[in-house]
């Protein structure tokens, strides 16, 4: 039996955008833009730089780009 996350993944994989109401798609677009904008706005904040430094030991192995900079973490 598939786990709940597997069931959800299958549902998402099979989802067609034409069955999603336009209002839901528009809200999703706005939320995605808001997330990127917040990341960009915060990327130059001295407090965020301190937070990245303080939490850097939590990072998983490998590199990931930092929004709004050329830095990799």
PDB file of N, CA and C in Angstrom:
ATOM      1  N   UNK A   1       0.840  -1.182   0.000  1.00  0.00           N
ATOM      2  CA  UNK A   1       0.000   0.000   0.000  1.00  0.00           C
ATOM      3  C   UNK A   1       0.882   1.242   0.000  1.00  0.00           C
ATOM      4  N   UNK A   2       0.521   2.196  -0.832  1.00  0.00           N
ATOM      5  CA  UNK A   2       1.290   3.433  -0.947  1.00  0.00           C
ATOM      6  C   UNK A   2       1.107   4.290   0.303  1.00  0.00           C
ATOM      7  N   UNK A   3       2.191   4.977   0.664  1.00  0.00           N
ATOM      8  CA  UNK A   3       2.105   5.908   1.789  1.00  0.00           C
ATOM      9  C   UNK A   3       1.309   7.138   1.359  1.00  0.00           C
ATOM     10  N   UNK A   4       0.940   7.940   2.314  1.00  0.00           N
ATOM     11  CA  UNK A   4       0.189   9.165   1.991  1.00  0.00           C
ATOM     12  C   UNK A   4       1.003  10.088   1.088  1.00  0.00           C
ATOM     13  N   UNK A   5       2.301  10.199   1.331  1.00  0.00           N
ATOM     14  CA  UNK A   5       3.128  11.074   0.496  1.00  0.00           C
ATOM     15  C   UNK A   5       3.227  10.514  -0.920  1.00  0.00           C
ATOM     16  N   UNK A   6       3.268   9.197  -1.057  1.00  0.00           N
ATOM     17  CA  UNK A   6       3.285   8.594  -2.388  1.00  0.00           C
ATOM     18  C   UNK A   6       1.954   8.841  -3.103  1.00  0.00           C
ATOM     19  N   UNK A   7       0.869   8.705  -2.367  1.00  0.00           N
ATOM     20  CA  UNK A   7      -0.446   8.977  -2.954  1.00  0.00           C
ATOM     21  C   UNK A   7      -0.543  10.429  -3.405  1.00  0.00           C
ATOM     22  N   UNK A   8      -0.058  11.344  -2.572  1.00  0.00           N
ATOM     23  CA  UNK A   8      -0.083  12.764  -2.922  1.00  0.00           C
ATOM     24  C   UNK A   8       0.787  13.025  -4.143  1.00  0.00           C
ATOM     25  N   UNK A   9       1.979  12.430  -4.179  1.00  0.00           N
ATOM     26  CA  UNK A   9       2.883  12.612  -5.317  1.00  0.00           C
ATOM     27  C   UNK A   9       2.245  12.114  -6.613  1.00  0.00           C
ATOM     28  N   UNK A  10       1.576  10.989  -6.555  1.00  0.00           N
ATOM     29  CA  UNK A  10       0.894  10.460  -7.742  1.00  0.00           C
ATOM     30  C   UNK A  10      -0.228  11.396  -8.181  1.00  0.00           C
ATOM     31  N   UNK A  11      -0.980  11.914  -7.211  1.00  0.00           N
ATOM     32  CA  UNK A  11      -2.072  12.839  -7.522  1.00  0.00           C
ATOM     33  C   UNK A  11      -1.527  14.093  -8.202  1.00  0.00           C
ATOM     34  N   UNK A  12      -0.439  14.640  -7.653  1.00  0.00           N
ATOM     35  CA  UNK A  12       0.166  15.842  -8.232  1.00  0.00           C
ATOM     36  C   UNK A  12       0.696  15.546  -9.636  1.00  0.00           C
ATOM     37  N   UNK A  13       1.358  14.405  -9.798  1.00  0.00           N
ATOM     38  CA  UNK A  13       1.923  14.048 -11.100  1.00  0.00           C
ATOM     39  C   UNK A  13       0.838  13.900 -12.168  1.00  0.00           C
ATOM     40  N   UNK A  14      -0.341  13.444 -11.772  1.00  0.00           N
ATOM     41  CA  UNK A  14      -1.432  13.233 -12.718  1.00  0.00           C
ATOM     42  C   UNK A  14      -2.314  14.470 -12.919  1.00  0.00           C
ATOM     43  N   UNK A  15      -2.081  15.508 -12.126  1.00  0.00           N
ATOM     44  CA  UNK A  15      -2.939  16.686 -12.162  1.00  0.00           C
ATOM     45  C   UNK A  15      -2.762  17.471 -13.461  1.00  0.00           C
ATOM     46  N   UNK A  16      -3.852  17.831 -14.052  1.00  0.00           N
ATOM     47  CA  UNK A  16      -3.858  18.663 -15.273  1.00  0.00           C
ATOM     48  C   UNK A  16      -4.235  20.087 -14.873  1.00  0.00           C
ATOM     49  N   UNK A  17      -3.490  21.055 -15.369  1.00  0.00           N
ATOM     50  CA  UNK A  17      -3.760  22.436 -14.966  1.00  0.00           C
ATOM     51  C   UNK A  17      -5.107  22.941 -15.460  1.00  0.00           C
ATOM     52  N   UNK A  18      -5.648  22.338 -16.502  1.00  0.00           N
ATOM     53  CA  UNK A  18      -6.936  22.833 -17.017  1.00  0.00           C
ATOM     54  C   UNK A  18      -8.114  22.504 -16.081  1.00  0.00           C
ATOM     55  N   UNK A  19      -7.898  21.659 -15.077  1.00  0.00           N
ATOM     56  CA  UNK A  19      -8.962  21.371 -14.117  1.00  0.00           C
ATOM     57  C   UNK A  19      -8.857  22.234 -12.858  1.00  0.00           C
ATOM     58  N   UNK A  20      -7.793  23.039 -12.787  1.00  0.00           N
ATOM     59  CA  UNK A  20      -7.599  23.923 -11.638  1.00  0.00           C
ATOM     60  C   UNK A  20      -8.251  25.267 -11.953  1.00  0.00           C
ATOM     61  N   UNK A  21      -9.105  25.762 -11.076  1.00  0.00           N
ATOM     62  CA  UNK A  21      -9.753  27.055 -11.322  1.00  0.00           C
ATOM     63  C   UNK A  21      -8.723  28.169 -11.506  1.00  0.00           C
ATOM     64  N   UNK A  22      -9.008  29.092 -12.393  1.00  0.00           N
ATOM     65  CA  UNK A  22      -8.091  30.194 -12.675  1.00  0.00           C
ATOM     66  C   UNK A  22      -7.761  30.991 -11.411  1.00  0.00           C
ATOM     67  N   UNK A  23      -8.720  31.145 -10.517  1.00  0.00           N
ATOM     68  CA  UNK A  23      -8.457  31.892  -9.281  1.00  0.00           C
ATOM     69  C   UNK A  23      -7.397  31.196  -8.427  1.00  0.00           C
ATOM     70  N   UNK A  24      -7.384  29.870  -8.449  1.00  0.00           N
ATOM     71  CA  UNK A  24      -6.389  29.106  -7.690  1.00  0.00           C
ATOM     72  C   UNK A  24      -5.017  29.238  -8.346  1.00  0.00           C
ATOM     73  N   UNK A  25      -4.973  29.170  -9.670  1.00  0.00           N
ATOM     74  CA  UNK A  25      -3.709  29.341 -10.389  1.00  0.00           C
ATOM     75  C   UNK A  25      -3.135  30.736 -10.146  1.00  0.00           C
ATOM     76  N   UNK A  26      -3.988  31.739 -10.177  1.00  0.00           N
ATOM     77  CA  UNK A  26      -3.537  33.111  -9.949  1.00  0.00           C
ATOM     78  C   UNK A  26      -2.977  33.266  -8.537  1.00  0.00           C
ATOM     79  N   UNK A  27      -3.653  32.690  -7.557  1.00  0.00           N
ATOM     80  CA  UNK A  27      -3.169  32.755  -6.175  1.00  0.00           C
ATOM     81  C   UNK A  27      -1.822  32.057  -6.050  1.00  0.00           C
ATOM     82  N   UNK A  28      -1.661  30.917  -6.712  1.00  0.00           N
ATOM     83  CA  UNK A  28      -0.388  30.187  -6.669  1.00  0.00           C
ATOM     84  C   UNK A  28       0.723  31.020  -7.294  1.00  0.00           C
ATOM     85  N   UNK A  29       0.431  31.688  -8.403  1.00  0.00           N
ATOM     86  CA  UNK A  29       1.426  32.563  -9.039  1.00  0.00           C
ATOM     87  C   UNK A  29       1.840  33.681  -8.089  1.00  0.00           C
ATOM     88  N   UNK A  30       0.858  34.308  -7.446  1.00  0.00           N
ATOM     89  CA  UNK A  30       1.158  35.393  -6.516  1.00  0.00           C
ATOM     90  C   UNK A  30       1.988  34.909  -5.335  1.00  0.00           C
ATOM     91  N   UNK A  31       1.661  33.733  -4.821  1.00  0.00           N
ATOM     92  CA  UNK A  31       2.421  33.179  -3.695  1.00  0.00           C
ATOM     93  C   UNK A  31       3.861  32.871  -4.099  1.00  0.00           C
ATOM     94  N   UNK A  32       4.035  32.334  -5.301  1.00  0.00           N
ATOM     95  CA  UNK A  32       5.389  32.048  -5.781  1.00  0.00           C
ATOM     96  C   UNK A  32       6.187  33.335  -5.943  1.00  0.00           C
ATOM     97  N   UNK A  33       5.566  34.359  -6.532  1.00  0.00           N
ATOM     98  CA  UNK A  33       6.251  35.650  -6.686  1.00  0.00           C
ATOM     99  C   UNK A  33       6.563  36.269  -5.334  1.00  0.00           C
ATOM    100  N   UNK A  34       5.662  36.150  -4.386  1.00  0.00           N
ATOM    101  CA  UNK A  34       5.880  36.682  -3.048  1.00  0.00           C
ATOM    102  C   UNK A  34       7.074  36.003  -2.368  1.00  0.00           C
ATOM    103  N   UNK A  35       7.178  34.700  -2.541  1.00  0.00           N
ATOM    104  CA  UNK A  35       8.287  33.950  -1.948  1.00  0.00           C
ATOM    105  C   UNK A  35       9.620  34.406  -2.525  1.00  0.00           C
ATOM    106  N   UNK A  36       9.677  34.541  -3.845  1.00  0.00           N
ATOM    107  CA  UNK A  36      10.913  34.988  -4.492  1.00  0.00           C
ATOM    108  C   UNK A  36      11.238  36.422  -4.078  1.00  0.00           C
ATOM    109  N   UNK A  37      10.238  37.295  -4.064  1.00  0.00           N
ATOM    110  CA  UNK A  37      10.460  38.694  -3.677  1.00  0.00           C
ATOM    111  C   UNK A  37      10.968  38.800  -2.245  1.00  0.00           C
ATOM    112  N   UNK A  38      10.403  38.031  -1.349  1.00  0.00           N
ATOM    113  CA  UNK A  38      10.850  38.064   0.049  1.00  0.00           C
ATOM    114  C   UNK A  38      12.290  37.566   0.163  1.00  0.00           C
ATOM    115  N   UNK A  39      12.613  36.540  -0.587  1.00  0.00           N
ATOM    116  CA  UNK A  39      13.984  36.031  -0.580  1.00  0.00           C
ATOM    117  C   UNK A  39      14.970  37.041  -1.117  1.00  0.00           C
ATOM    118  N   UNK A  40      14.601  37.697  -2.204  1.00  0.00           N
ATOM    119  CA  UNK A  40      15.479  38.718  -2.766  1.00  0.00           C
ATOM    120  C   UNK A  40      15.628  39.908  -1.828  1.00  0.00           C
ATOM    121  N   UNK A  41      14.527  40.357  -1.257  1.00  0.00           N
ATOM    122  CA  UNK A  41      14.570  41.506  -0.357  1.00  0.00           C
ATOM    123  C   UNK A  41      15.413  41.208   0.877  1.00  0.00           C
ATOM    124  N   UNK A  42      15.279  40.023   1.400  1.00  0.00           N
ATOM    125  CA  UNK A  42      16.015  39.673   2.604  1.00  0.00           C
ATOM    126  C   UNK A  42      17.454  39.270   2.357  1.00  0.00           C
ATOM    127  N   UNK A  43      17.795  38.976   1.103  1.00  0.00           N
ATOM    128  CA  UNK A  43      19.126  38.440   0.816  1.00  0.00           C
ATOM    129  C   UNK A  43      20.250  39.416   1.125  1.00  0.00           C
ATOM    130  N   UNK A  44      19.965  40.697   1.140  1.00  0.00           N
ATOM    131  CA  UNK A  44      21.009  41.689   1.395  1.00  0.00           C
ATOM    132  C   UNK A  44      20.976  42.218   2.833  1.00  0.00           C
ATOM    133  N   UNK A  45      20.084  41.718   3.636  1.00  0.00           N
ATOM    134  CA  UNK A  45      19.954  42.179   5.017  1.00  0.00           C
ATOM    135  C   UNK A  45      21.115  41.676   5.871  1.00  0.00           C
ATOM    136  N   UNK A  46      21.734  42.559   6.648  1.00  0.00           N
ATOM    137  CA  UNK A  46      22.803  42.106   7.546  1.00  0.00           C
ATOM    138  C   UNK A  46      22.318  41.026   8.526  1.00  0.00           C
ATOM    139  N   UNK A  47      21.081  41.126   8.958  1.00  0.00           N
ATOM    140  CA  UNK A  47      20.546  40.120   9.887  1.00  0.00           C
ATOM    141  C   UNK A  47      20.488  38.749   9.224  1.00  0.00           C
ATOM    142  N   UNK A  48      20.148  38.704   7.944  1.00  0.00           N
ATOM    143  CA  UNK A  48      20.086  37.422   7.230  1.00  0.00           C
ATOM    144  C   UNK A  48      21.482  36.853   7.060  1.00  0.00           C
ATOM    145  N   UNK A  49      22.457  37.697   6.805  1.00  0.00           N
ATOM    146  CA  UNK A  49      23.839  37.221   6.694  1.00  0.00           C
ATOM    147  C   UNK A  49      24.280  36.587   8.012  1.00  0.00           C
ATOM    148  N   UNK A  50      23.936  37.216   9.124  1.00  0.00           N
ATOM    149  CA  UNK A  50      24.275  36.654  10.428  1.00  0.00           C
ATOM    150  C   UNK A  50      23.536  35.334  10.664  1.00  0.00           C
ATOM    151  N   UNK A  51      22.292  35.277  10.251  1.00  0.00           N
ATOM    152  CA  UNK A  51      21.509  34.056  10.410  1.00  0.00           C
ATOM    153  C   UNK A  51      22.096  32.920   9.591  1.00  0.00           C
ATOM    154  N   UNK A  52      22.489  33.205   8.344  1.00  0.00           N
ATOM    155  CA  UNK A  52      23.112  32.165   7.513  1.00  0.00           C
ATOM    156  C   UNK A  52      24.395  31.658   8.161  1.00  0.00           C
ATOM    157  N   UNK A  53      25.179  32.581   8.688  1.00  0.00           N
ATOM    158  CA  UNK A  53      26.430  32.190   9.335  1.00  0.00           C
ATOM    159  C   UNK A  53      26.154  31.345  10.575  1.00  0.00           C
ATOM    160  N   UNK A  54      25.195  31.766  11.382  1.00  0.00           N
ATOM    161  CA  UNK A  54      24.887  31.058  12.625  1.00  0.00           C
ATOM    162  C   UNK A  54      24.311  29.675  12.381  1.00  0.00           C
ATOM    163  N   UNK A  55      23.605  29.489  11.262  1.00  0.00           N
ATOM    164  CA  UNK A  55      22.944  28.203  11.000  1.00  0.00           C
ATOM    165  C   UNK A  55      23.663  27.369   9.952  1.00  0.00           C
ATOM    166  N   UNK A  56      24.828  27.813   9.505  1.00  0.00           N
ATOM    167  CA  UNK A  56      25.519  27.113   8.419  1.00  0.00           C
ATOM    168  C   UNK A  56      25.851  25.663   8.768  1.00  0.00           C
ATOM    169  N   UNK A  57      26.009  25.357  10.034  1.00  0.00           N
ATOM    170  CA  UNK A  57      26.338  23.983  10.413  1.00  0.00           C
ATOM    171  C   UNK A  57      25.158  23.034  10.212  1.00  0.00           C
ATOM    172  N   UNK A  58      23.951  23.575  10.001  1.00  0.00           N
ATOM    173  CA  UNK A  58      22.783  22.733   9.732  1.00  0.00           C
ATOM    174  C   UNK A  58      22.739  22.248   8.289  1.00  0.00           C
ATOM    175  N   UNK A  59      23.508  22.882   7.432  1.00  0.00           N
ATOM    176  CA  UNK A  59      23.427  22.612   5.998  1.00  0.00           C
ATOM    177  C   UNK A  59      23.769  21.158   5.689  1.00  0.00           C
ATOM    178  N   UNK A  60      23.041  20.603   4.753  1.00  0.00           N
ATOM    179  CA  UNK A  60      23.315  19.249   4.281  1.00  0.00           C
ATOM    180  C   UNK A  60      24.546  19.284   3.374  1.00  0.00           C
ATOM    181  N   UNK A  61      25.146  18.139   3.139  1.00  0.00           N
ATOM    182  CA  UNK A  61      26.297  18.097   2.235  1.00  0.00           C
ATOM    183  C   UNK A  61      25.910  18.592   0.837  1.00  0.00           C
ATOM    184  N   UNK A  62      26.853  19.198   0.175  1.00  0.00           N
ATOM    185  CA  UNK A  62      26.609  19.705  -1.171  1.00  0.00           C
ATOM    186  C   UNK A  62      26.412  21.201  -1.147  1.00  0.00           C
ATOM    187  N   UNK A  63      26.183  21.761  -2.310  1.00  0.00           N
ATOM    188  CA  UNK A  63      26.050  23.208  -2.445  1.00  0.00           C
ATOM    189  C   UNK A  63      24.653  23.566  -2.930  1.00  0.00           C
ATOM    190  N   UNK A  64      24.190  24.718  -2.491  1.00  0.00           N
ATOM    191  CA  UNK A  64      22.916  25.252  -2.955  1.00  0.00           C
ATOM    192  C   UNK A  64      23.098  26.756  -3.101  1.00  0.00           C
ATOM    193  N   UNK A  65      22.515  27.326  -4.149  1.00  0.00           N
ATOM    194  CA  UNK A  65      22.609  28.763  -4.350  1.00  0.00           C
ATOM    195  C   UNK A  65      21.772  29.530  -3.346  1.00  0.00           C
ATOM    196  N   UNK A  66      22.229  30.731  -3.043  1.00  0.00           N
ATOM    197  CA  UNK A  66      21.505  31.612  -2.126  1.00  0.00           C
ATOM    198  C   UNK A  66      20.809  32.677  -2.958  1.00  0.00           C
ATOM    199  N   UNK A  67      19.498  32.797  -2.811  1.00  0.00           N
ATOM    200  CA  UNK A  67      18.714  33.763  -3.589  1.00  0.00           C
ATOM    201  C   UNK A  67      19.288  35.155  -3.404  1.00  0.00           C
ATOM    202  N   UNK A  68      19.469  35.848  -4.513  1.00  0.00           N
ATOM    203  CA  UNK A  68      19.906  37.239  -4.465  1.00  0.00           C
ATOM    204  C   UNK A  68      21.407  37.424  -4.340  1.00  0.00           C
ATOM    205  N   UNK A  69      22.188  36.335  -4.467  1.00  0.00           N
ATOM    206  CA  UNK A  69      23.632  36.466  -4.375  1.00  0.00           C
ATOM    207  C   UNK A  69      24.302  35.408  -5.244  1.00  0.00           C
ATOM    208  N   UNK A  70      25.591  35.558  -5.380  1.00  0.00           N
ATOM    209  CA  UNK A  70      26.386  34.533  -6.085  1.00  0.00           C
ATOM    210  C   UNK A  70      26.923  33.479  -5.119  1.00  0.00           C
ATOM    211  N   UNK A  71      26.562  33.652  -3.854  1.00  0.00           N
ATOM    212  CA  UNK A  71      27.048  32.775  -2.795  1.00  0.00           C
ATOM    213  C   UNK A  71      26.425  31.382  -2.908  1.00  0.00           C
ATOM    214  N   UNK A  72      27.209  30.388  -2.560  1.00  0.00           N
ATOM    215  CA  UNK A  72      26.705  29.026  -2.420  1.00  0.00           C
ATOM    216  C   UNK A  72      26.879  28.618  -0.987  1.00  0.00           C
ATOM    217  N   UNK A  73      25.973  27.841  -0.509  1.00  0.00           N
ATOM    218  CA  UNK A  73      25.972  27.412   0.886  1.00  0.00           C
ATOM    219  C   UNK A  73      26.213  25.960   0.962  1.00  0.00           C
TER     220      UNK A  73
END
